[in-house]
Amino acid sequence: MAVRQPRYSQEEFARRGDHWYETQIRQNVEAGNHGKIVAIDIETGAFEVADEILDASDRLFKRIPEAQPWIVRIGHRAVDRFGARSRRNPA
């Protein structure tokens, strides 16, 4: 198995991934896919949608073996949540 290395800085990776998602992909995937994962190749804009990160990224790598994937959870600000979640209702 080949080891994949990032070709861009973290900042450039995020800028490209967010740009593809906001300008080309979001309007195509949001309806009916809330909470699912989209894996985006930051170089080509190709993407795959799945319920899990590995499924989406594996399908993207099958299509584009040299992909540089950016992962987004549709309808959320973050892919995963860390730590405890407050049960308190905001006032």
Protein backbone atom coordinates (compact mmCIF):
# COMPACT_ATOMS: atom_id res chain seq x y z
CA MET A 1 0.00 0.00 0.00
CA ALA A 2 1.36 3.41 -0.97
CA VAL A 3 1.83 6.06 1.68
CA ARG A 4 -0.01 9.23 0.74
CA GLN A 5 1.63 12.52 1.61
CA PRO A 6 -0.12 15.90 1.71
CA ARG A 7 1.09 18.26 -1.01
CA TYR A 8 -0.22 21.45 0.62
CA SER A 9 0.02 23.27 3.94
CA GLN A 10 -2.86 22.81 6.40
CA GLU A 11 -4.07 26.32 5.64
CA GLU A 12 -4.05 25.78 1.87
CA PHE A 13 -5.73 22.39 2.29
CA ALA A 14 -8.55 23.98 4.30
CA ARG A 15 -8.88 26.96 1.93
CA ARG A 16 -9.18 24.72 -1.14
CA GLY A 17 -11.54 22.24 0.54
CA ASP A 18 -13.85 24.96 1.86
CA HIS A 19 -13.81 26.73 -1.51
CA TRP A 20 -14.86 23.58 -3.42
CA TYR A 21 -17.57 22.78 -0.88
CA GLU A 22 -19.07 26.27 -0.74
CA THR A 23 -18.92 27.09 -4.46
CA GLN A 24 -19.50 23.78 -6.25
CA ILE A 25 -20.61 20.95 -3.97
CA ARG A 26 -22.85 22.19 -1.16
CA GLN A 27 -25.88 22.95 -3.35
CA ASN A 28 -25.65 19.46 -4.88
CA VAL A 29 -25.44 17.44 -1.65
CA GLU A 30 -27.27 19.24 1.18
CA ALA A 31 -30.83 18.16 0.38
CA GLY A 32 -31.50 14.77 1.95
CA ASN A 33 -27.94 14.17 3.16
CA HIS A 34 -27.82 16.05 6.49
CA GLY A 35 -25.20 14.46 8.76
CA LYS A 36 -23.53 12.43 6.02
CA ILE A 37 -19.87 12.79 5.06
CA VAL A 38 -18.54 14.26 1.84
CA ALA A 39 -14.91 13.60 0.84
CA ILE A 40 -13.63 16.20 -1.63
CA ASP A 41 -10.44 16.02 -3.69
CA ILE A 42 -9.02 19.53 -3.20
CA GLU A 43 -7.25 19.42 -6.57
CA THR A 44 -10.09 18.35 -8.88
CA GLY A 45 -13.30 19.00 -6.92
CA ALA A 46 -14.38 15.37 -7.34
CA PHE A 47 -16.35 14.16 -4.33
CA GLU A 48 -18.06 11.16 -2.74
CA VAL A 49 -20.89 11.12 -0.17
CA ALA A 50 -21.29 8.33 2.41
CA ASP A 51 -22.46 7.71 5.97
CA GLU A 52 -18.89 7.19 7.25
CA ILE A 53 -15.55 8.92 6.66
CA LEU A 54 -13.76 5.75 5.53
CA ASP A 55 -16.48 4.82 3.04
CA ALA A 56 -16.46 8.27 1.42
CA SER A 57 -12.67 8.54 1.29
CA ASP A 58 -12.19 4.94 0.06
CA ARG A 59 -14.61 5.55 -2.82
CA LEU A 60 -12.80 8.79 -3.67
CA PHE A 61 -9.42 7.00 -3.68
CA LYS A 62 -10.82 4.27 -5.96
CA ARG A 63 -11.74 6.97 -8.50
CA ILE A 64 -8.67 9.17 -7.94
CA PRO A 65 -5.77 7.26 -6.35
CA GLU A 66 -3.72 10.44 -5.78
CA ALA A 67 -6.61 12.43 -4.27
CA GLN A 68 -5.99 14.95 -1.50
CA PRO A 69 -9.25 14.53 0.46
CA TRP A 70 -10.95 17.25 2.53
CA ILE A 71 -13.74 15.88 4.73
CA VAL A 72 -16.98 17.73 5.56
CA ARG A 73 -20.03 16.61 7.54
CA ILE A 74 -23.02 17.94 5.60
CA GLY A 75 -25.00 20.51 7.58
CA HIS A 76 -22.48 20.73 10.46
CA ARG A 77 -19.57 23.02 11.29
CA ALA A 78 -17.33 20.10 12.32
CA VAL A 79 -16.89 16.49 11.25
CA ASP A 80 -16.70 15.17 14.83
CA ARG A 81 -17.43 16.43 18.32
CA PHE A 82 -14.90 16.04 21.15
CA GLY A 83 -15.65 16.11 24.86
CA ALA A 84 -18.88 16.27 26.79
CA ARG A 85 -21.95 18.01 25.46
CA SER A 86 -23.95 20.26 27.73
CA ARG A 87 -27.51 19.15 28.53
CA ARG A 88 -28.36 22.64 29.70
CA ASN A 89 -30.84 24.53 27.56
CA PRO A 90 -29.54 27.93 26.47
CA ALA A 91 -31.52 30.82 27.97
